[in-house]
Amino acid sequence: MLVAVEKRGRTTTGRARMAVIPDFRKETLLGFLEDNVEPGSTVYTDGLKSFTGLKEAGFQHVPRSQPRPTDLRKGVKSVVPLADRAIGNLQQWLLGTHHGVSRDQLQVYLDEFVFRHNRRKTPMAPFQTLLGLGAGHKPTKYEEIRGASDLGEPPSAG
């Protein structure tokens, strides 16, 4: 999973983007950033070597070495605190609301979480947006939502 969180001020979280990715190759990470981050933006990363080449792609890049998980548990601060906060909020939401999810449906849940996160300061916006989107689209079939990879033949209507 890859996470991008907009920084507003010193500690304020802006909009977020999250995606299930197939790998952590440079091309995959760059593709995500090109799709979700404004060119010229400053991108803070956790030191993963696959993030090399961001300057050539038009981003200001500030790589930082992330402490080891054992050190983080002991109170050492993360170098990407806004992303870590978003991931923590996602985990609590998934466990508290949905009690876990499968990998096949993870992207759908990420999309819902990001949708809610990005509209958290305007409570009516999600409803109005969903109403507008729903009015302009045909229904999504259950098999499309589930990905149909784990479904056999649909039960026959009796």
N, C-alpha and C. Protein backbone atom coordinates (compact mmCIF):
# COMPACT_ATOMS: atom_id res chain seq x y z
N MET A 1 0.85 -1.17 0.00
CA MET A 1 0.00 0.00 0.00
C MET A 1 0.90 1.23 0.00
N LEU A 2 0.47 2.24 -0.74
CA LEU A 2 1.21 3.49 -0.82
C LEU A 2 0.28 4.62 -0.38
N VAL A 3 0.82 5.55 0.40
CA VAL A 3 0.04 6.64 0.98
C VAL A 3 0.70 7.97 0.69
N ALA A 4 -0.11 8.95 0.28
CA ALA A 4 0.36 10.33 0.14
C ALA A 4 -0.61 11.20 0.95
N VAL A 5 -0.06 12.07 1.79
CA VAL A 5 -0.88 12.95 2.61
C VAL A 5 -0.35 14.37 2.44
N GLU A 6 -1.26 15.27 2.14
CA GLU A 6 -0.90 16.67 1.97
C GLU A 6 -0.61 17.29 3.34
N LYS A 7 0.45 18.08 3.40
CA LYS A 7 0.82 18.75 4.63
C LYS A 7 0.39 20.21 4.53
N ARG A 8 -0.39 20.65 5.51
CA ARG A 8 -0.83 22.05 5.58
C ARG A 8 -0.35 22.61 6.90
N GLY A 9 0.60 23.51 6.85
CA GLY A 9 1.18 24.02 8.09
C GLY A 9 2.13 22.99 8.67
N ARG A 10 2.40 23.10 9.97
CA ARG A 10 3.38 22.18 10.59
C ARG A 10 2.83 20.79 10.82
N THR A 11 1.58 20.71 11.30
CA THR A 11 1.07 19.39 11.68
C THR A 11 -0.31 19.07 11.12
N THR A 12 -0.86 19.97 10.33
CA THR A 12 -2.22 19.77 9.84
C THR A 12 -2.20 18.88 8.60
N THR A 13 -3.08 17.90 8.60
CA THR A 13 -3.22 16.98 7.49
C THR A 13 -4.25 17.52 6.51
N GLY A 14 -3.87 17.56 5.24
CA GLY A 14 -4.80 17.95 4.18
C GLY A 14 -5.40 16.72 3.53
N ARG A 15 -5.48 16.75 2.23
CA ARG A 15 -6.08 15.63 1.48
C ARG A 15 -5.13 14.43 1.48
N ALA A 16 -5.70 13.26 1.29
CA ALA A 16 -4.92 12.03 1.28
C ALA A 16 -5.21 11.24 0.01
N ARG A 17 -4.29 10.38 -0.34
CA ARG A 17 -4.46 9.41 -1.42
C ARG A 17 -3.85 8.10 -0.93
N MET A 18 -4.51 7.00 -1.22
CA MET A 18 -4.00 5.67 -0.84
C MET A 18 -4.27 4.71 -1.98
N ALA A 19 -3.32 3.81 -2.19
CA ALA A 19 -3.50 2.83 -3.26
C ALA A 19 -2.81 1.52 -2.91
N VAL A 20 -3.45 0.44 -3.31
CA VAL A 20 -2.82 -0.87 -3.26
C VAL A 20 -1.93 -0.93 -4.49
N ILE A 21 -0.67 -1.24 -4.29
CA ILE A 21 0.26 -1.31 -5.42
C ILE A 21 0.84 -2.72 -5.52
N PRO A 22 1.21 -3.13 -6.72
CA PRO A 22 1.69 -4.51 -6.90
C PRO A 22 3.12 -4.72 -6.40
N ASP A 23 3.90 -3.63 -6.33
CA ASP A 23 5.30 -3.75 -5.93
C ASP A 23 5.80 -2.36 -5.55
N PHE A 24 7.03 -2.29 -5.08
CA PHE A 24 7.62 -1.01 -4.68
C PHE A 24 8.74 -0.60 -5.65
N ARG A 25 8.57 -0.96 -6.92
CA ARG A 25 9.55 -0.55 -7.93
C ARG A 25 9.43 0.94 -8.19
N LYS A 26 10.51 1.51 -8.64
CA LYS A 26 10.58 2.95 -8.92
C LYS A 26 9.46 3.39 -9.86
N GLU A 27 9.20 2.62 -10.91
CA GLU A 27 8.18 2.99 -11.89
C GLU A 27 6.78 3.01 -11.27
N THR A 28 6.52 2.07 -10.38
CA THR A 28 5.22 2.00 -9.72
C THR A 28 5.02 3.21 -8.81
N LEU A 29 6.03 3.52 -8.01
CA LEU A 29 5.94 4.65 -7.08
C LEU A 29 5.82 5.97 -7.84
N LEU A 30 6.60 6.12 -8.89
CA LEU A 30 6.56 7.35 -9.68
C LEU A 30 5.20 7.51 -10.36
N GLY A 31 4.65 6.43 -10.86
CA GLY A 31 3.33 6.48 -11.48
C GLY A 31 2.26 6.96 -10.50
N PHE A 32 2.31 6.45 -9.27
CA PHE A 32 1.37 6.88 -8.23
C PHE A 32 1.53 8.38 -7.96
N LEU A 33 2.77 8.82 -7.81
CA LEU A 33 3.00 10.25 -7.54
C LEU A 33 2.56 11.13 -8.70
N GLU A 34 2.85 10.72 -9.90
CA GLU A 34 2.44 11.52 -11.06
C GLU A 34 0.93 11.62 -11.16
N ASP A 35 0.22 10.58 -10.74
CA ASP A 35 -1.25 10.58 -10.78
C ASP A 35 -1.88 11.36 -9.63
N ASN A 36 -1.15 11.53 -8.52
CA ASN A 36 -1.78 12.04 -7.31
C ASN A 36 -1.14 13.27 -6.67
N VAL A 37 0.04 13.65 -7.12
CA VAL A 37 0.76 14.76 -6.50
C VAL A 37 1.10 15.81 -7.56
N GLU A 38 0.85 17.05 -7.22
CA GLU A 38 1.12 18.16 -8.14
C GLU A 38 2.62 18.24 -8.45
N PRO A 39 2.99 18.33 -9.73
CA PRO A 39 4.42 18.49 -10.07
C PRO A 39 4.99 19.73 -9.37
N GLY A 40 6.23 19.62 -8.91
CA GLY A 40 6.87 20.71 -8.18
C GLY A 40 6.66 20.63 -6.69
N SER A 41 5.75 19.75 -6.24
CA SER A 41 5.50 19.59 -4.80
C SER A 41 6.72 18.99 -4.12
N THR A 42 6.84 19.29 -2.83
CA THR A 42 7.88 18.67 -2.01
C THR A 42 7.35 17.35 -1.49
N VAL A 43 8.08 16.28 -1.74
CA VAL A 43 7.68 14.94 -1.34
C VAL A 43 8.67 14.44 -0.29
N TYR A 44 8.16 14.17 0.91
CA TYR A 44 8.96 13.61 1.98
C TYR A 44 8.77 12.10 1.96
N THR A 45 9.86 11.36 1.93
CA THR A 45 9.76 9.90 1.88
C THR A 45 10.52 9.28 3.04
N ASP A 46 10.27 7.98 3.22
CA ASP A 46 10.87 7.26 4.34
C ASP A 46 12.22 6.64 4.02
N GLY A 47 12.86 7.06 2.95
CA GLY A 47 14.19 6.58 2.63
C GLY A 47 14.23 5.35 1.75
N LEU A 48 13.08 4.85 1.31
CA LEU A 48 13.05 3.70 0.41
C LEU A 48 13.81 4.06 -0.86
N LYS A 49 14.73 3.22 -1.26
CA LYS A 49 15.59 3.52 -2.41
C LYS A 49 14.82 3.65 -3.72
N SER A 50 13.65 3.07 -3.81
CA SER A 50 12.85 3.15 -5.02
C SER A 50 12.36 4.57 -5.30
N PHE A 51 12.46 5.46 -4.32
CA PHE A 51 12.03 6.84 -4.52
C PHE A 51 13.10 7.69 -5.21
N THR A 52 14.24 7.11 -5.57
CA THR A 52 15.25 7.88 -6.28
C THR A 52 14.70 8.31 -7.64
N GLY A 53 15.11 9.46 -8.11
CA GLY A 53 14.66 9.94 -9.41
C GLY A 53 13.47 10.86 -9.34
N LEU A 54 13.01 11.22 -8.15
CA LEU A 54 11.85 12.10 -8.06
C LEU A 54 12.18 13.52 -8.54
N LYS A 55 13.40 13.97 -8.30
CA LYS A 55 13.77 15.32 -8.77
C LYS A 55 13.71 15.39 -10.29
N GLU A 56 14.18 14.33 -10.95
CA GLU A 56 14.14 14.29 -12.41
C GLU A 56 12.69 14.25 -12.93
N ALA A 57 11.79 13.76 -12.10
CA ALA A 57 10.38 13.67 -12.48
C ALA A 57 9.62 14.96 -12.16
N GLY A 58 10.32 15.96 -11.61
CA GLY A 58 9.67 17.24 -11.36
C GLY A 58 9.20 17.49 -9.95
N PHE A 59 9.63 16.66 -8.99
CA PHE A 59 9.26 16.85 -7.60
C PHE A 59 10.47 17.30 -6.79
N GLN A 60 10.21 18.04 -5.73
CA GLN A 60 11.25 18.33 -4.76
C GLN A 60 11.26 17.14 -3.81
N HIS A 61 12.39 16.49 -3.64
CA HIS A 61 12.42 15.26 -2.86
C HIS A 61 13.26 15.43 -1.60
N VAL A 62 12.65 15.08 -0.45
CA VAL A 62 13.36 15.11 0.82
C VAL A 62 13.31 13.69 1.40
N PRO A 63 14.35 12.88 1.09
CA PRO A 63 14.37 11.52 1.65
C PRO A 63 14.85 11.56 3.10
N ARG A 64 14.22 10.77 3.93
CA ARG A 64 14.61 10.68 5.34
C ARG A 64 14.68 9.21 5.72
N SER A 65 15.57 8.88 6.62
CA SER A 65 15.69 7.49 7.07
C SER A 65 14.69 7.24 8.19
N GLN A 66 13.79 6.32 7.93
CA GLN A 66 12.77 5.96 8.92
C GLN A 66 13.40 5.08 10.00
N PRO A 67 13.16 5.37 11.28
CA PRO A 67 13.67 4.50 12.34
C PRO A 67 13.08 3.09 12.22
N ARG A 68 13.76 2.14 12.80
CA ARG A 68 13.27 0.76 12.79
C ARG A 68 11.97 0.67 13.59
N PRO A 69 11.12 -0.30 13.26
CA PRO A 69 9.84 -0.47 13.99
C PRO A 69 10.02 -0.60 15.50
N THR A 70 11.07 -1.29 15.92
CA THR A 70 11.30 -1.43 17.37
C THR A 70 11.58 -0.08 18.01
N ASP A 71 12.32 0.79 17.31
CA ASP A 71 12.60 2.13 17.84
C ASP A 71 11.35 2.99 17.84
N LEU A 72 10.51 2.85 16.81
CA LEU A 72 9.26 3.60 16.77
C LEU A 72 8.37 3.23 17.96
N ARG A 73 8.32 1.94 18.30
CA ARG A 73 7.52 1.50 19.44
C ARG A 73 8.06 2.04 20.76
N LYS A 74 9.35 2.37 20.78
CA LYS A 74 9.97 2.92 22.00
C LYS A 74 9.80 4.44 22.07
N GLY A 75 9.15 5.05 21.07
CA GLY A 75 8.89 6.48 21.14
C GLY A 75 9.69 7.36 20.19
N VAL A 76 10.58 6.76 19.40
CA VAL A 76 11.31 7.54 18.41
C VAL A 76 10.31 8.04 17.38
N LYS A 77 10.44 9.29 16.97
CA LYS A 77 9.47 9.89 16.06
C LYS A 77 9.67 9.39 14.63
N SER A 78 8.55 9.23 13.94
CA SER A 78 8.55 8.84 12.54
C SER A 78 9.00 10.02 11.68
N VAL A 79 9.58 9.73 10.54
CA VAL A 79 9.97 10.79 9.62
C VAL A 79 8.84 11.15 8.66
N VAL A 80 7.77 10.38 8.67
CA VAL A 80 6.59 10.66 7.86
C VAL A 80 5.34 10.58 8.77
N PRO A 81 5.24 11.49 9.73
CA PRO A 81 4.18 11.36 10.75
C PRO A 81 2.77 11.49 10.20
N LEU A 82 2.56 12.32 9.18
CA LEU A 82 1.20 12.49 8.66
C LEU A 82 0.73 11.22 7.95
N ALA A 83 1.61 10.59 7.22
CA ALA A 83 1.27 9.32 6.57
C ALA A 83 1.02 8.25 7.63
N ASP A 84 1.87 8.21 8.65
CA ASP A 84 1.68 7.23 9.72
C ASP A 84 0.35 7.45 10.44
N ARG A 85 -0.01 8.70 10.67
CA ARG A 85 -1.30 9.00 11.32
C ARG A 85 -2.46 8.53 10.44
N ALA A 86 -2.38 8.80 9.14
CA ALA A 86 -3.44 8.38 8.23
C ALA A 86 -3.56 6.86 8.21
N ILE A 87 -2.43 6.16 8.20
CA ILE A 87 -2.45 4.70 8.21
C ILE A 87 -3.04 4.19 9.53
N GLY A 88 -2.67 4.81 10.63
CA GLY A 88 -3.23 4.42 11.92
C GLY A 88 -4.73 4.64 11.97
N ASN A 89 -5.19 5.77 11.46
CA ASN A 89 -6.63 6.04 11.42
C ASN A 89 -7.35 5.03 10.52
N LEU A 90 -6.72 4.69 9.39
CA LEU A 90 -7.28 3.68 8.50
C LEU A 90 -7.41 2.34 9.22
N GLN A 91 -6.36 1.93 9.91
CA GLN A 91 -6.40 0.65 10.61
C GLN A 91 -7.51 0.62 11.66
N GLN A 92 -7.64 1.69 12.42
CA GLN A 92 -8.68 1.74 13.45
C GLN A 92 -10.07 1.72 12.82
N TRP A 93 -10.23 2.43 11.73
CA TRP A 93 -11.52 2.45 11.03
C TRP A 93 -11.86 1.07 10.48
N LEU A 94 -10.87 0.41 9.87
CA LEU A 94 -11.12 -0.93 9.31
C LEU A 94 -11.48 -1.93 10.40
N LEU A 95 -10.74 -1.89 11.50
CA LEU A 95 -11.00 -2.84 12.59
C LEU A 95 -12.28 -2.51 13.34
N GLY A 96 -12.52 -1.23 13.58
CA GLY A 96 -13.68 -0.83 14.36
C GLY A 96 -14.98 -0.90 13.59
N THR A 97 -14.94 -0.52 12.34
CA THR A 97 -16.16 -0.49 11.53
C THR A 97 -16.39 -1.79 10.78
N HIS A 98 -15.36 -2.30 10.17
CA HIS A 98 -15.51 -3.46 9.29
C HIS A 98 -14.94 -4.74 9.88
N HIS A 99 -14.20 -4.64 10.97
CA HIS A 99 -13.60 -5.80 11.65
C HIS A 99 -12.65 -6.56 10.73
N GLY A 100 -11.98 -5.82 9.85
CA GLY A 100 -11.01 -6.42 8.94
C GLY A 100 -11.56 -6.51 7.52
N VAL A 101 -10.67 -6.63 6.57
CA VAL A 101 -11.04 -6.74 5.15
C VAL A 101 -10.09 -7.72 4.47
N SER A 102 -10.51 -8.21 3.32
CA SER A 102 -9.63 -9.09 2.56
C SER A 102 -8.81 -8.26 1.58
N ARG A 103 -7.72 -8.81 1.14
CA ARG A 103 -6.84 -8.10 0.21
C ARG A 103 -7.56 -7.76 -1.10
N ASP A 104 -8.44 -8.66 -1.55
CA ASP A 104 -9.14 -8.44 -2.82
C ASP A 104 -10.00 -7.18 -2.80
N GLN A 105 -10.52 -6.84 -1.65
CA GLN A 105 -11.40 -5.66 -1.56
C GLN A 105 -10.71 -4.45 -0.94
N LEU A 106 -9.43 -4.56 -0.63
CA LEU A 106 -8.74 -3.48 0.09
C LEU A 106 -8.83 -2.14 -0.63
N GLN A 107 -8.65 -2.10 -1.95
CA GLN A 107 -8.68 -0.82 -2.66
C GLN A 107 -10.02 -0.12 -2.51
N VAL A 108 -11.11 -0.87 -2.51
CA VAL A 108 -12.43 -0.28 -2.35
C VAL A 108 -12.54 0.39 -0.97
N TYR A 109 -12.02 -0.28 0.06
CA TYR A 109 -12.05 0.30 1.40
C TYR A 109 -11.12 1.51 1.50
N LEU A 110 -9.97 1.45 0.85
CA LEU A 110 -9.08 2.61 0.83
C LEU A 110 -9.77 3.80 0.18
N ASP A 111 -10.46 3.54 -0.92
CA ASP A 111 -11.17 4.62 -1.62
C ASP A 111 -12.22 5.25 -0.71
N GLU A 112 -12.96 4.41 0.02
CA GLU A 112 -13.98 4.96 0.93
C GLU A 112 -13.33 5.77 2.05
N PHE A 113 -12.25 5.25 2.62
CA PHE A 113 -11.57 5.96 3.70
C PHE A 113 -11.07 7.31 3.21
N VAL A 114 -10.42 7.34 2.05
CA VAL A 114 -9.90 8.59 1.49
C VAL A 114 -11.04 9.56 1.19
N PHE A 115 -12.13 9.04 0.65
CA PHE A 115 -13.30 9.87 0.36
C PHE A 115 -13.78 10.56 1.64
N ARG A 116 -13.93 9.79 2.70
CA ARG A 116 -14.40 10.34 3.99
C ARG A 116 -13.36 11.30 4.58
N HIS A 117 -12.09 10.91 4.52
CA HIS A 117 -11.02 11.75 5.08
C HIS A 117 -10.97 13.12 4.38
N ASN A 118 -11.06 13.12 3.08
CA ASN A 118 -10.92 14.35 2.32
C ASN A 118 -12.14 15.27 2.46
N ARG A 119 -13.21 14.76 3.02
CA ARG A 119 -14.42 15.57 3.21
C ARG A 119 -14.80 15.70 4.68
N ARG A 120 -13.87 15.41 5.58
CA ARG A 120 -14.17 15.35 7.01
C ARG A 120 -14.55 16.69 7.62
N LYS A 121 -14.17 17.78 7.00
CA LYS A 121 -14.46 19.10 7.57
C LYS A 121 -15.75 19.70 7.04
N THR A 122 -16.35 19.04 6.08
CA THR A 122 -17.64 19.49 5.54
C THR A 122 -18.59 18.29 5.58
N PRO A 123 -19.30 18.12 6.70
CA PRO A 123 -20.09 16.91 6.91
C PRO A 123 -21.12 16.59 5.83
N MET A 124 -21.70 17.59 5.19
CA MET A 124 -22.70 17.30 4.16
C MET A 124 -22.08 16.98 2.80
N ALA A 125 -20.83 17.31 2.61
CA ALA A 125 -20.19 17.10 1.31
C ALA A 125 -20.20 15.64 0.86
N PRO A 126 -19.90 14.66 1.73
CA PRO A 126 -19.94 13.27 1.24
C PRO A 126 -21.32 12.88 0.72
N PHE A 127 -22.36 13.24 1.46
CA PHE A 127 -23.71 12.89 1.03
C PHE A 127 -24.05 13.56 -0.30
N GLN A 128 -23.73 14.85 -0.40
CA GLN A 128 -24.04 15.57 -1.63
C GLN A 128 -23.23 15.02 -2.81
N THR A 129 -21.97 14.70 -2.57
CA THR A 129 -21.14 14.14 -3.62
C THR A 129 -21.66 12.77 -4.05
N LEU A 130 -21.95 11.91 -3.08
CA LEU A 130 -22.46 10.58 -3.42
C LEU A 130 -23.79 10.67 -4.15
N LEU A 131 -24.66 11.57 -3.71
CA LEU A 131 -25.94 11.75 -4.37
C LEU A 131 -25.73 12.16 -5.83
N GLY A 132 -24.84 13.12 -6.04
CA GLY A 132 -24.54 13.57 -7.40
C GLY A 132 -23.92 12.48 -8.25
N LEU A 133 -22.98 11.73 -7.67
CA LEU A 133 -22.34 10.64 -8.41
C LEU A 133 -23.34 9.54 -8.72
N GLY A 134 -24.17 9.23 -7.74
CA GLY A 134 -25.15 8.16 -7.91
C GLY A 134 -26.18 8.48 -8.97
N ALA A 135 -26.54 9.74 -9.06
CA ALA A 135 -27.56 10.13 -10.04
C ALA A 135 -27.03 10.04 -11.47
N GLY A 136 -25.72 10.14 -11.64
CA GLY A 136 -25.15 10.15 -12.99
C GLY A 136 -24.56 8.83 -13.45
N HIS A 137 -24.63 7.79 -12.63
CA HIS A 137 -24.03 6.50 -12.99
C HIS A 137 -25.05 5.39 -12.86
N LYS A 138 -24.86 4.36 -13.66
CA LYS A 138 -25.71 3.18 -13.50
C LYS A 138 -25.19 2.37 -12.31
N PRO A 139 -26.01 1.52 -11.74
CA PRO A 139 -25.61 0.75 -10.55
C PRO A 139 -24.40 -0.15 -10.83
N THR A 140 -23.58 -0.35 -9.80
CA THR A 140 -22.46 -1.28 -9.90
C THR A 140 -22.94 -2.66 -9.47
N LYS A 141 -22.68 -3.66 -10.30
CA LYS A 141 -23.11 -5.01 -10.00
C LYS A 141 -22.28 -5.58 -8.85
N TYR A 142 -22.91 -6.44 -8.09
CA TYR A 142 -22.25 -7.08 -6.95
C TYR A 142 -20.95 -7.76 -7.36
N GLU A 143 -20.97 -8.45 -8.50
CA GLU A 143 -19.78 -9.15 -8.97
C GLU A 143 -18.62 -8.18 -9.24
N GLU A 144 -18.93 -6.97 -9.69
CA GLU A 144 -17.89 -5.97 -9.93
C GLU A 144 -17.31 -5.47 -8.62
N ILE A 145 -18.15 -5.29 -7.62
CA ILE A 145 -17.67 -4.83 -6.31
C ILE A 145 -16.78 -5.89 -5.69
N ARG A 146 -17.19 -7.12 -5.76
CA ARG A 146 -16.44 -8.22 -5.15
C ARG A 146 -15.22 -8.61 -5.95
N GLY A 147 -15.13 -8.19 -7.19
CA GLY A 147 -14.02 -8.59 -8.03
C GLY A 147 -14.25 -9.93 -8.70
N ALA A 148 -15.29 -10.62 -8.27
CA ALA A 148 -15.75 -11.88 -8.84
C ALA A 148 -14.70 -12.99 -8.83
N SER A 149 -13.50 -12.73 -8.30
CA SER A 149 -12.48 -13.77 -8.33
C SER A 149 -12.78 -14.90 -7.37
N ASP A 150 -13.52 -14.63 -6.31
CA ASP A 150 -13.80 -15.68 -5.35
C ASP A 150 -15.25 -16.17 -5.42
N LEU A 151 -15.95 -15.76 -6.47
CA LEU A 151 -17.35 -16.18 -6.62
C LEU A 151 -17.46 -17.25 -7.68
N GLY A 152 -18.30 -18.20 -7.42
CA GLY A 152 -18.62 -19.21 -8.43
C GLY A 152 -19.81 -18.70 -9.24
N GLU A 153 -20.60 -19.60 -9.69
CA GLU A 153 -21.82 -19.23 -10.41
C GLU A 153 -22.78 -18.56 -9.43
N PRO A 154 -23.44 -17.48 -9.86
CA PRO A 154 -24.41 -16.84 -8.96
C PRO A 154 -25.57 -17.80 -8.70
N PRO A 155 -26.14 -17.72 -7.49
CA PRO A 155 -27.27 -18.62 -7.21
C PRO A 155 -28.43 -18.31 -8.12
N SER A 156 -29.13 -19.35 -8.54
CA SER A 156 -30.26 -19.14 -9.45
C SER A 156 -31.45 -18.64 -8.66
N ALA A 157 -32.20 -17.74 -9.27
CA ALA A 157 -33.39 -17.22 -8.62
C ALA A 157 -34.45 -18.30 -8.66
N GLY A 158 -34.96 -18.64 -7.49
CA GLY A 158 -35.80 -19.79 -7.37
C GLY A 158 -37.19 -19.57 -7.62
